[in-house]
Amino acid sequence: MSEDLQPVRQRKQEERTRDTTYPPAPEPLAVAVADSHCHLDIRDGQTWLDVGQALDMAAAVGVNRIVQIGCDLPSARWSVEAANSHARVLAAVALHPNEAPRLADLGELDDALVEIAQLATHERVRAVGETGLDYFRTDENGRAAQHASFKQHIAIAKEVGKPLVIHDREAHDDVLLILEEVGAPEVVVMHCFSGDAAFARQCVDRGFYLSFAGTVTFKNAQSLRDALAVTPLSQVLVETDAPFLTPAPFRGRPNASYLIPHTIRAMAAAVDVSEAEVAQAISDNSDRVFGPW
């Protein structure tokens, strides 16, 4: 990747006073893991780690590979270039569910999906996502576009034979209904799992992988820890969704892959299993889902 390549998107934030410095590095993991979902192209305020910095800081604490997620056309293109340029980065490409209604209103959704399908064939693109449904930020007027986009992404994932990475926010039932209606790809990842133990069991029974983010460390997230407790380690992944969802005790500050050890340790405590055992399972699962880096 060229040195002058800049991130293609910048997070829009409310004006507020908060600490935008990166937290200190945690103690390294004994077993290296992959960050299964990261947005290296998105700034958090004025702070940003370029790809090389992010990779080096992560590797120093035992996070030695990253899946970079593209969720609109510019970031999808950027993600492919990042994966091409860095051996420790793989890409996933899609249109975020909140992007679908915007593009539909512009009459551009179909053309955008054609380009996503083309990008998904690239060897360094190992998944189609994040796609899915988001009923938190999109009202009923935009749901038809979300459903159509989600179904098309499912078709793309099946056509190229790659995993589907699902964004599911306040839409659990409809996500499952659509997957049952059109048929799920062989491999499905529930990104930033946000359901309770009952929903986790439904996903586990369908063979899905559940990816847990820094939210599992939050004090008010006992339902996520309960969901993790009923999920076999063979179906667990870990992610940052960076620069969002920074794990405790640094919630609110910028997130990055090097902070994953905090999440791994919280996960190990929640299931009463050693840190090394959890990390090894996640490492093995990451390779099983995304293939070799």
C-alpha atoms as a PDB file:
ATOM      1  CA  MET A   1       0.000   0.000   0.000  1.00  0.00           C
ATOM      2  CA  SER A   2       1.311   3.419  -0.881  1.00  0.00           C
ATOM      3  CA  GLU A   3       2.547   5.472   2.050  1.00  0.00           C
ATOM      4  CA  ASP A   4       0.276   8.375   1.192  1.00  0.00           C
ATOM      5  CA  LEU A   5      -2.905   6.264   1.173  1.00  0.00           C
ATOM      6  CA  GLN A   6      -5.340   7.826   3.606  1.00  0.00           C
ATOM      7  CA  PRO A   7      -8.446   6.265   5.174  1.00  0.00           C
ATOM      8  CA  VAL A   8     -11.402   6.670   2.894  1.00  0.00           C
ATOM      9  CA  ARG A   9     -13.946   7.412   5.586  1.00  0.00           C
ATOM     10  CA  GLN A  10     -13.936   9.353   8.819  1.00  0.00           C
ATOM     11  CA  ARG A  11     -16.296   8.774  11.662  1.00  0.00           C
ATOM     12  CA  LYS A  12     -18.721  11.621  12.273  1.00  0.00           C
ATOM     13  CA  GLN A  13     -19.043  12.271  15.979  1.00  0.00           C
ATOM     14  CA  GLU A  14     -21.059  14.505  18.198  1.00  0.00           C
ATOM     15  CA  GLU A  15     -19.077  17.382  19.601  1.00  0.00           C
ATOM     16  CA  ARG A  16     -18.103  16.283  23.068  1.00  0.00           C
ATOM     17  CA  THR A  17     -15.155  16.207  25.374  1.00  0.00           C
ATOM     18  CA  ARG A  18     -13.575  12.786  25.781  1.00  0.00           C
ATOM     19  CA  ASP A  19     -10.212  11.140  25.907  1.00  0.00           C
ATOM     20  CA  THR A  20      -9.221  10.342  22.331  1.00  0.00           C
ATOM     21  CA  THR A  21      -5.781   8.964  23.150  1.00  0.00           C
ATOM     22  CA  TYR A  22      -5.093   5.283  22.650  1.00  0.00           C
ATOM     23  CA  PRO A  23      -5.007   3.187  25.856  1.00  0.00           C
ATOM     24  CA  PRO A  24      -1.781   1.527  27.012  1.00  0.00           C
ATOM     25  CA  ALA A  25      -0.947  -1.897  25.661  1.00  0.00           C
ATOM     26  CA  PRO A  26      -2.112  -4.879  27.748  1.00  0.00           C
ATOM     27  CA  GLU A  27       0.016  -7.848  28.699  1.00  0.00           C
ATOM     28  CA  PRO A  28       0.597 -10.034  25.638  1.00  0.00           C
ATOM     29  CA  LEU A  29      -1.389 -13.187  25.023  1.00  0.00           C
ATOM     30  CA  ALA A  30       0.481 -16.487  25.254  1.00  0.00           C
ATOM     31  CA  VAL A  31      -1.372 -17.781  22.166  1.00  0.00           C
ATOM     32  CA  ALA A  32      -1.747 -15.470  19.184  1.00  0.00           C
ATOM     33  CA  VAL A  33      -5.246 -14.745  17.851  1.00  0.00           C
ATOM     34  CA  ALA A  34      -6.900 -13.008  14.906  1.00  0.00           C
ATOM     35  CA  ASP A  35      -9.077  -9.919  15.067  1.00  0.00           C
ATOM     36  CA  SER A  36     -11.978 -11.163  12.955  1.00  0.00           C
ATOM     37  CA  HIS A  37     -13.564  -7.762  12.338  1.00  0.00           C
ATOM     38  CA  CYS A  38     -11.767  -4.425  12.182  1.00  0.00           C
ATOM     39  CA  HIS A  39     -12.169  -1.110  10.347  1.00  0.00           C
ATOM     40  CA  LEU A  40      -8.620   0.082   9.825  1.00  0.00           C
ATOM     41  CA  ASP A  41      -9.842   2.808   7.464  1.00  0.00           C
ATOM     42  CA  ILE A  42     -12.076   4.642   9.933  1.00  0.00           C
ATOM     43  CA  ARG A  43     -10.786   7.477  12.065  1.00  0.00           C
ATOM     44  CA  ASP A  44     -12.019   7.998  15.608  1.00  0.00           C
ATOM     45  CA  GLY A  45     -11.973  11.775  15.920  1.00  0.00           C
ATOM     46  CA  GLN A  46      -8.502  13.075  15.157  1.00  0.00           C
ATOM     47  CA  THR A  47      -6.703   9.871  16.099  1.00  0.00           C
ATOM     48  CA  TRP A  48      -5.812   7.133  13.658  1.00  0.00           C
ATOM     49  CA  LEU A  49      -3.286   4.341  13.459  1.00  0.00           C
ATOM     50  CA  ASP A  50      -2.080   3.654   9.960  1.00  0.00           C
ATOM     51  CA  VAL A  51      -2.115   0.030   8.892  1.00  0.00           C
ATOM     52  CA  GLY A  52       1.534  -0.607   9.689  1.00  0.00           C
ATOM     53  CA  GLN A  53       1.225   0.877  13.174  1.00  0.00           C
ATOM     54  CA  ALA A  54      -1.963  -1.037  13.889  1.00  0.00           C
ATOM     55  CA  LEU A  55      -0.427  -4.324  12.789  1.00  0.00           C
ATOM     56  CA  ASP A  56       2.801  -3.857  14.734  1.00  0.00           C
ATOM     57  CA  MET A  57       1.043  -2.825  17.950  1.00  0.00           C
ATOM     58  CA  ALA A  58      -1.321  -5.777  17.641  1.00  0.00           C
ATOM     59  CA  ALA A  59       1.434  -8.300  16.932  1.00  0.00           C
ATOM     60  CA  ALA A  60       3.354  -7.114  20.004  1.00  0.00           C
ATOM     61  CA  VAL A  61       0.514  -8.349  22.246  1.00  0.00           C
ATOM     62  CA  GLY A  62      -0.324 -11.551  20.375  1.00  0.00           C
ATOM     63  CA  VAL A  63      -2.875 -10.379  17.812  1.00  0.00           C
ATOM     64  CA  ASN A  64      -1.015 -11.333  14.688  1.00  0.00           C
ATOM     65  CA  ARG A  65      -3.653 -11.127  11.956  1.00  0.00           C
ATOM     66  CA  ILE A  66      -6.660  -8.972  11.109  1.00  0.00           C
ATOM     67  CA  VAL A  67      -9.757  -9.190   8.933  1.00  0.00           C
ATOM     68  CA  GLN A  68     -10.391  -5.722   7.497  1.00  0.00           C
ATOM     69  CA  ILE A  69     -14.073  -5.087   6.809  1.00  0.00           C
ATOM     70  CA  GLY A  70     -15.289  -2.927   3.956  1.00  0.00           C
ATOM     71  CA  CYS A  71     -18.884  -1.781   4.416  1.00  0.00           C
ATOM     72  CA  ASP A  72     -19.438   0.652   1.537  1.00  0.00           C
ATOM     73  CA  LEU A  73     -17.878   0.821  -1.910  1.00  0.00           C
ATOM     74  CA  PRO A  74     -14.955   3.114  -1.014  1.00  0.00           C
ATOM     75  CA  SER A  75     -14.025   1.084   2.051  1.00  0.00           C
ATOM     76  CA  ALA A  76     -14.497  -2.206   0.192  1.00  0.00           C
ATOM     77  CA  ARG A  77     -11.994  -1.067  -2.443  1.00  0.00           C
ATOM     78  CA  TRP A  78      -9.663   0.168   0.310  1.00  0.00           C
ATOM     79  CA  SER A  79      -9.944  -3.160   2.119  1.00  0.00           C
ATOM     80  CA  VAL A  80      -8.886  -5.126  -0.937  1.00  0.00           C
ATOM     81  CA  GLU A  81      -5.870  -2.883  -1.400  1.00  0.00           C
ATOM     82  CA  ALA A  82      -4.941  -3.235   2.280  1.00  0.00           C
ATOM     83  CA  ALA A  83      -5.136  -7.019   2.090  1.00  0.00           C
ATOM     84  CA  ASN A  84      -3.071  -6.981  -1.096  1.00  0.00           C
ATOM     85  CA  SER A  85      -0.395  -4.883   0.562  1.00  0.00           C
ATOM     86  CA  HIS A  86      -0.135  -6.510   4.004  1.00  0.00           C
ATOM     87  CA  ALA A  87       0.352 -10.229   4.553  1.00  0.00           C
ATOM     88  CA  ARG A  88      -1.294 -10.081   7.989  1.00  0.00           C
ATOM     89  CA  VAL A  89      -4.512  -8.565   6.604  1.00  0.00           C
ATOM     90  CA  LEU A  90      -7.419 -10.287   4.881  1.00  0.00           C
ATOM     91  CA  ALA A  91     -10.508  -8.499   3.603  1.00  0.00           C
ATOM     92  CA  ALA A  92     -14.265  -8.829   3.675  1.00  0.00           C
ATOM     93  CA  VAL A  93     -16.483  -6.679   1.463  1.00  0.00           C
ATOM     94  CA  ALA A  94     -20.155  -5.706   1.517  1.00  0.00           C
ATOM     95  CA  LEU A  95     -22.622  -2.870   1.816  1.00  0.00           C
ATOM     96  CA  HIS A  96     -23.535  -2.216   5.438  1.00  0.00           C
ATOM     97  CA  PRO A  97     -27.295  -2.602   6.006  1.00  0.00           C
ATOM     98  CA  ASN A  98     -27.602   1.107   6.757  1.00  0.00           C
ATOM     99  CA  GLU A  99     -25.953   1.848   3.420  1.00  0.00           C
ATOM    100  CA  ALA A 100     -28.587  -0.078   1.477  1.00  0.00           C
ATOM    101  CA  PRO A 101     -31.520   2.360   1.902  1.00  0.00           C
ATOM    102  CA  ARG A 102     -29.303   5.337   1.046  1.00  0.00           C
ATOM    103  CA  LEU A 103     -28.119   3.726  -2.175  1.00  0.00           C
ATOM    104  CA  ALA A 104     -31.632   2.559  -3.010  1.00  0.00           C
ATOM    105  CA  ASP A 105     -32.914   6.129  -2.691  1.00  0.00           C
ATOM    106  CA  LEU A 106     -30.208   7.233  -5.129  1.00  0.00           C
ATOM    107  CA  GLY A 107     -31.011   4.428  -7.547  1.00  0.00           C
ATOM    108  CA  GLU A 108     -27.492   3.056  -7.090  1.00  0.00           C
ATOM    109  CA  LEU A 109     -27.998  -0.096  -5.016  1.00  0.00           C
ATOM    110  CA  ASP A 110     -28.015  -2.591  -7.887  1.00  0.00           C
ATOM    111  CA  ASP A 111     -24.826  -1.234  -9.439  1.00  0.00           C
ATOM    112  CA  ALA A 112     -23.118  -1.166  -6.045  1.00  0.00           C
ATOM    113  CA  LEU A 113     -24.016  -4.810  -5.455  1.00  0.00           C
ATOM    114  CA  VAL A 114     -22.534  -5.725  -8.837  1.00  0.00           C
ATOM    115  CA  GLU A 115     -19.218  -4.196  -7.793  1.00  0.00           C
ATOM    116  CA  ILE A 116     -19.323  -5.934  -4.403  1.00  0.00           C
ATOM    117  CA  ALA A 117     -19.834  -9.239  -6.210  1.00  0.00           C
ATOM    118  CA  GLN A 118     -16.792  -8.523  -8.357  1.00  0.00           C
ATOM    119  CA  LEU A 119     -14.623  -7.560  -5.383  1.00  0.00           C
ATOM    120  CA  ALA A 120     -15.742 -10.683  -3.520  1.00  0.00           C
ATOM    121  CA  THR A 121     -13.991 -12.878  -6.081  1.00  0.00           C
ATOM    122  CA  HIS A 122     -10.569 -11.504  -5.133  1.00  0.00           C
ATOM    123  CA  GLU A 123      -8.297 -14.100  -3.527  1.00  0.00           C
ATOM    124  CA  ARG A 124      -7.500 -11.870  -0.535  1.00  0.00           C
ATOM    125  CA  VAL A 125     -11.209 -11.288   0.124  1.00  0.00           C
ATOM    126  CA  ARG A 126     -12.244 -14.150   2.374  1.00  0.00           C
ATOM    127  CA  ALA A 127     -15.780 -13.190   3.371  1.00  0.00           C
ATOM    128  CA  VAL A 128     -18.845 -11.253   2.278  1.00  0.00           C
ATOM    129  CA  GLY A 129     -19.801  -8.790   4.982  1.00  0.00           C
ATOM    130  CA  GLU A 130     -20.738  -6.966   6.948  1.00  0.00           C
ATOM    131  CA  THR A 131     -24.250  -7.310   5.656  1.00  0.00           C
ATOM    132  CA  GLY A 132     -27.509  -8.029   7.428  1.00  0.00           C
ATOM    133  CA  LEU A 133     -30.217  -5.987   9.118  1.00  0.00           C
ATOM    134  CA  ASP A 134     -30.147  -2.966  11.405  1.00  0.00           C
ATOM    135  CA  TYR A 135     -33.484  -1.897  12.865  1.00  0.00           C
ATOM    136  CA  PHE A 136     -31.854   0.526  15.291  1.00  0.00           C
ATOM    137  CA  ARG A 137     -30.770   3.133  12.752  1.00  0.00           C
ATOM    138  CA  THR A 138     -33.102   2.322   9.860  1.00  0.00           C
ATOM    139  CA  ASP A 139     -36.858   2.737  10.241  1.00  0.00           C
ATOM    140  CA  GLU A 140     -39.547   0.723   8.489  1.00  0.00           C
ATOM    141  CA  ASN A 141     -39.257   2.800   5.306  1.00  0.00           C
ATOM    142  CA  GLY A 142     -35.731   1.506   4.720  1.00  0.00           C
ATOM    143  CA  ARG A 143     -36.265  -2.123   5.630  1.00  0.00           C
ATOM    144  CA  ALA A 144     -37.285  -3.343   2.205  1.00  0.00           C
ATOM    145  CA  ALA A 145     -33.956  -2.130   0.807  1.00  0.00           C
ATOM    146  CA  GLN A 146     -32.104  -3.770   3.687  1.00  0.00           C
ATOM    147  CA  HIS A 147     -33.867  -7.075   3.074  1.00  0.00           C
ATOM    148  CA  ALA A 148     -33.157  -6.972  -0.659  1.00  0.00           C
ATOM    149  CA  SER A 149     -29.501  -6.107  -0.086  1.00  0.00           C
ATOM    150  CA  PHE A 150     -29.096  -8.819   2.552  1.00  0.00           C
ATOM    151  CA  LYS A 151     -30.576 -11.467   0.247  1.00  0.00           C
ATOM    152  CA  GLN A 152     -28.282 -10.420  -2.569  1.00  0.00           C
ATOM    153  CA  HIS A 153     -25.221 -10.596  -0.299  1.00  0.00           C
ATOM    154  CA  ILE A 154     -26.264 -14.101   0.758  1.00  0.00           C
ATOM    155  CA  ALA A 155     -26.428 -15.053  -2.911  1.00  0.00           C
ATOM    156  CA  ILE A 156     -22.993 -13.546  -3.536  1.00  0.00           C
ATOM    157  CA  ALA A 157     -21.473 -15.460  -0.599  1.00  0.00           C
ATOM    158  CA  LYS A 158     -22.887 -18.726  -1.909  1.00  0.00           C
ATOM    159  CA  GLU A 159     -21.773 -17.979  -5.456  1.00  0.00           C
ATOM    160  CA  VAL A 160     -18.150 -17.284  -4.481  1.00  0.00           C
ATOM    161  CA  GLY A 161     -18.121 -19.948  -1.755  1.00  0.00           C
ATOM    162  CA  LYS A 162     -17.057 -17.630   1.057  1.00  0.00           C
ATOM    163  CA  PRO A 163     -18.339 -16.985   4.598  1.00  0.00           C
ATOM    164  CA  LEU A 164     -21.113 -14.501   5.269  1.00  0.00           C
ATOM    165  CA  VAL A 165     -20.483 -11.925   8.028  1.00  0.00           C
ATOM    166  CA  ILE A 166     -23.764 -10.674   9.480  1.00  0.00           C
ATOM    167  CA  HIS A 167     -24.512  -7.354  11.154  1.00  0.00           C
ATOM    168  CA  ASP A 168     -27.606  -7.903  13.297  1.00  0.00           C
ATOM    169  CA  ARG A 169     -28.908  -5.050  15.412  1.00  0.00           C
ATOM    170  CA  GLU A 170     -32.347  -5.420  16.958  1.00  0.00           C
ATOM    171  CA  ALA A 171     -33.351  -7.713  14.088  1.00  0.00           C
ATOM    172  CA  HIS A 172     -32.639 -11.239  15.361  1.00  0.00           C
ATOM    173  CA  ASP A 173     -35.872 -12.867  14.201  1.00  0.00           C
ATOM    174  CA  ASP A 174     -35.827 -11.392  10.710  1.00  0.00           C
ATOM    175  CA  VAL A 175     -32.168 -12.287  10.189  1.00  0.00           C
ATOM    176  CA  LEU A 176     -32.977 -15.936  10.864  1.00  0.00           C
ATOM    177  CA  LEU A 177     -36.171 -15.809   8.793  1.00  0.00           C
ATOM    178  CA  ILE A 178     -34.324 -14.483   5.736  1.00  0.00           C
ATOM    179  CA  LEU A 179     -31.525 -17.023   6.117  1.00  0.00           C
ATOM    180  CA  GLU A 180     -34.114 -19.791   6.290  1.00  0.00           C
ATOM    181  CA  GLU A 181     -36.050 -18.372   3.333  1.00  0.00           C
ATOM    182  CA  VAL A 182     -33.116 -18.183   0.914  1.00  0.00           C
ATOM    183  CA  GLY A 183     -30.757 -20.691   2.507  1.00  0.00           C
ATOM    184  CA  ALA A 184     -27.645 -19.794   4.491  1.00  0.00           C
ATOM    185  CA  PRO A 185     -24.125 -20.157   3.098  1.00  0.00           C
ATOM    186  CA  GLU A 186     -22.018 -22.974   4.469  1.00  0.00           C
ATOM    187  CA  VAL A 187     -20.213 -20.626   6.891  1.00  0.00           C
ATOM    188  CA  VAL A 188     -21.958 -17.794   8.743  1.00  0.00           C
ATOM    189  CA  VAL A 189     -20.396 -15.403  11.265  1.00  0.00           C
ATOM    190  CA  MET A 190     -22.572 -13.354  13.601  1.00  0.00           C
ATOM    191  CA  HIS A 191     -20.492 -10.195  13.890  1.00  0.00           C
ATOM    192  CA  CYS A 192     -20.425  -8.459  17.285  1.00  0.00           C
ATOM    193  CA  PHE A 193     -22.940 -10.914  18.675  1.00  0.00           C
ATOM    194  CA  SER A 194     -25.630  -8.951  20.500  1.00  0.00           C
ATOM    195  CA  GLY A 195     -28.212 -11.535  21.480  1.00  0.00           C
ATOM    196  CA  ASP A 196     -28.968 -13.400  24.683  1.00  0.00           C
ATOM    197  CA  ALA A 197     -28.371 -17.050  25.534  1.00  0.00           C
ATOM    198  CA  ALA A 198     -31.588 -18.191  23.830  1.00  0.00           C
ATOM    199  CA  PHE A 199     -30.642 -16.510  20.554  1.00  0.00           C
ATOM    200  CA  ALA A 200     -27.087 -17.837  20.865  1.00  0.00           C
ATOM    201  CA  ARG A 201     -28.474 -21.376  21.060  1.00  0.00           C
ATOM    202  CA  GLN A 202     -30.480 -20.794  17.878  1.00  0.00           C
ATOM    203  CA  CYS A 203     -27.339 -19.637  16.082  1.00  0.00           C
ATOM    204  CA  VAL A 204     -25.187 -22.430  17.499  1.00  0.00           C
ATOM    205  CA  ASP A 205     -27.741 -25.043  16.443  1.00  0.00           C
ATOM    206  CA  ARG A 206     -27.475 -23.692  12.889  1.00  0.00           C
ATOM    207  CA  GLY A 207     -23.688 -24.053  12.975  1.00  0.00           C
ATOM    208  CA  PHE A 208     -22.973 -20.319  12.985  1.00  0.00           C
ATOM    209  CA  TYR A 209     -19.851 -18.784  14.465  1.00  0.00           C
ATOM    210  CA  LEU A 210     -20.454 -16.130  17.128  1.00  0.00           C
ATOM    211  CA  SER A 211     -17.934 -13.286  17.208  1.00  0.00           C
ATOM    212  CA  PHE A 212     -17.648 -11.386  20.482  1.00  0.00           C
ATOM    213  CA  ALA A 213     -16.392  -7.809  20.739  1.00  0.00           C
ATOM    214  CA  GLY A 214     -15.367  -5.504  23.570  1.00  0.00           C
ATOM    215  CA  THR A 215     -19.028  -5.280  24.599  1.00  0.00           C
ATOM    216  CA  VAL A 216     -18.649  -8.617  26.381  1.00  0.00           C
ATOM    217  CA  THR A 217     -16.425  -6.817  28.934  1.00  0.00           C
ATOM    218  CA  PHE A 218     -19.042  -4.174  29.818  1.00  0.00           C
ATOM    219  CA  LYS A 219     -20.533  -4.350  33.312  1.00  0.00           C
ATOM    220  CA  ASN A 220     -24.082  -4.200  31.952  1.00  0.00           C
ATOM    221  CA  ALA A 221     -23.515  -7.007  29.426  1.00  0.00           C
ATOM    222  CA  GLN A 222     -24.243 -10.107  31.499  1.00  0.00           C
ATOM    223  CA  SER A 223     -26.573 -11.339  28.754  1.00  0.00           C
ATOM    224  CA  LEU A 224     -23.616 -11.461  26.349  1.00  0.00           C
ATOM    225  CA  ARG A 225     -21.542 -13.417  28.838  1.00  0.00           C
ATOM    226  CA  ASP A 226     -24.477 -15.794  29.259  1.00  0.00           C
ATOM    227  CA  ALA A 227     -24.615 -16.170  25.478  1.00  0.00           C
ATOM    228  CA  LEU A 228     -20.904 -16.909  25.371  1.00  0.00           C
ATOM    229  CA  ALA A 229     -21.321 -19.527  28.102  1.00  0.00           C
ATOM    230  CA  VAL A 230     -23.715 -21.579  25.925  1.00  0.00           C
ATOM    231  CA  THR A 231     -21.556 -21.286  22.794  1.00  0.00           C
ATOM    232  CA  PRO A 232     -19.043 -24.091  22.182  1.00  0.00           C
ATOM    233  CA  LEU A 233     -15.483 -22.807  21.938  1.00  0.00           C
ATOM    234  CA  SER A 234     -15.360 -24.406  18.496  1.00  0.00           C
ATOM    235  CA  GLN A 235     -17.852 -21.748  17.304  1.00  0.00           C
ATOM    236  CA  VAL A 236     -16.346 -18.637  18.937  1.00  0.00           C
ATOM    237  CA  LEU A 237     -14.426 -15.765  17.346  1.00  0.00           C
ATOM    238  CA  VAL A 238     -13.161 -12.481  18.773  1.00  0.00           C
ATOM    239  CA  GLU A 239     -13.157  -9.027  17.222  1.00  0.00           C
ATOM    240  CA  THR A 240     -12.685  -5.355  17.945  1.00  0.00           C
ATOM    241  CA  ASP A 241     -15.016  -3.633  15.460  1.00  0.00           C
ATOM    242  CA  ALA A 242     -12.310  -0.973  15.918  1.00  0.00           C
ATOM    243  CA  PRO A 243     -12.259   1.927  16.297  1.00  0.00           C
ATOM    244  CA  PHE A 244     -15.574   1.256  18.055  1.00  0.00           C
ATOM    245  CA  LEU A 245     -16.560  -0.820  21.117  1.00  0.00           C
ATOM    246  CA  THR A 246     -13.374  -0.400  23.140  1.00  0.00           C
ATOM    247  CA  PRO A 247     -13.250  -2.990  25.936  1.00  0.00           C
ATOM    248  CA  ALA A 248     -13.308  -2.150  29.607  1.00  0.00           C
ATOM    249  CA  PRO A 249     -11.582  -0.535  31.397  1.00  0.00           C
ATOM    250  CA  PHE A 250     -11.065   1.891  28.479  1.00  0.00           C
ATOM    251  CA  ARG A 251     -14.611   2.171  27.160  1.00  0.00           C
ATOM    252  CA  GLY A 252     -15.067   5.427  25.250  1.00  0.00           C
ATOM    253  CA  ARG A 253     -11.489   5.732  24.072  1.00  0.00           C
ATOM    254  CA  PRO A 254     -10.341   4.690  20.573  1.00  0.00           C
ATOM    255  CA  ASN A 255     -10.212   0.969  19.977  1.00  0.00           C
ATOM    256  CA  ALA A 256      -7.628  -1.023  18.004  1.00  0.00           C
ATOM    257  CA  SER A 257      -6.665  -4.661  17.536  1.00  0.00           C
ATOM    258  CA  TYR A 258      -3.940  -4.508  20.181  1.00  0.00           C
ATOM    259  CA  LEU A 259      -6.639  -4.231  22.875  1.00  0.00           C
ATOM    260  CA  ILE A 260      -8.109  -7.672  22.148  1.00  0.00           C
ATOM    261  CA  PRO A 261      -6.299  -9.296  25.130  1.00  0.00           C
ATOM    262  CA  HIS A 262      -8.751  -7.476  27.416  1.00  0.00           C
ATOM    263  CA  THR A 263     -11.648  -9.113  25.591  1.00  0.00           C
ATOM    264  CA  ILE A 264     -10.025 -12.551  25.546  1.00  0.00           C
ATOM    265  CA  ARG A 265      -9.442 -12.417  29.291  1.00  0.00           C
ATOM    266  CA  ALA A 266     -13.025 -11.391  29.987  1.00  0.00           C
ATOM    267  CA  MET A 267     -14.238 -14.219  27.766  1.00  0.00           C
ATOM    268  CA  ALA A 268     -12.041 -16.756  29.563  1.00  0.00           C
ATOM    269  CA  ALA A 269     -13.366 -15.601  32.933  1.00  0.00           C
ATOM    270  CA  ALA A 270     -16.962 -15.805  31.710  1.00  0.00           C
ATOM    271  CA  VAL A 271     -16.646 -19.450  30.688  1.00  0.00           C
ATOM    272  CA  ASP A 272     -14.173 -20.439  33.434  1.00  0.00           C
ATOM    273  CA  VAL A 273     -11.606 -21.691  30.938  1.00  0.00           C
ATOM    274  CA  SER A 274      -7.948 -20.757  30.720  1.00  0.00           C
ATOM    275  CA  GLU A 275      -6.959 -17.777  28.608  1.00  0.00           C
ATOM    276  CA  ALA A 276      -4.680 -19.998  26.535  1.00  0.00           C
ATOM    277  CA  GLU A 277      -7.462 -22.478  25.779  1.00  0.00           C
ATOM    278  CA  VAL A 278      -9.845 -19.744  24.671  1.00  0.00           C
ATOM    279  CA  ALA A 279      -7.165 -18.088  22.545  1.00  0.00           C
ATOM    280  CA  GLN A 280      -6.165 -21.360  20.890  1.00  0.00           C
ATOM    281  CA  ALA A 281      -9.774 -22.151  20.010  1.00  0.00           C
ATOM    282  CA  ILE A 282     -10.262 -18.681  18.541  1.00  0.00           C
ATOM    283  CA  SER A 283      -7.048 -18.954  16.549  1.00  0.00           C
ATOM    284  CA  ASP A 284      -8.061 -22.322  15.124  1.00  0.00           C
ATOM    285  CA  ASN A 285     -11.578 -21.105  14.330  1.00  0.00           C
ATOM    286  CA  SER A 286     -10.250 -18.003  12.573  1.00  0.00           C
ATOM    287  CA  ASP A 287      -8.124 -20.114  10.263  1.00  0.00           C
ATOM    288  CA  ARG A 288     -11.045 -22.470   9.663  1.00  0.00           C
ATOM    289  CA  VAL A 289     -13.372 -19.605   8.723  1.00  0.00           C
ATOM    290  CA  PHE A 290     -11.081 -17.311   6.773  1.00  0.00           C
ATOM    291  CA  GLY A 291      -8.349 -19.646   5.584  1.00  0.00           C
ATOM    292  CA  PRO A 292      -4.602 -19.027   5.759  1.00  0.00           C
ATOM    293  CA  TRP A 293      -3.354 -15.481   5.870  1.00  0.00           C
END
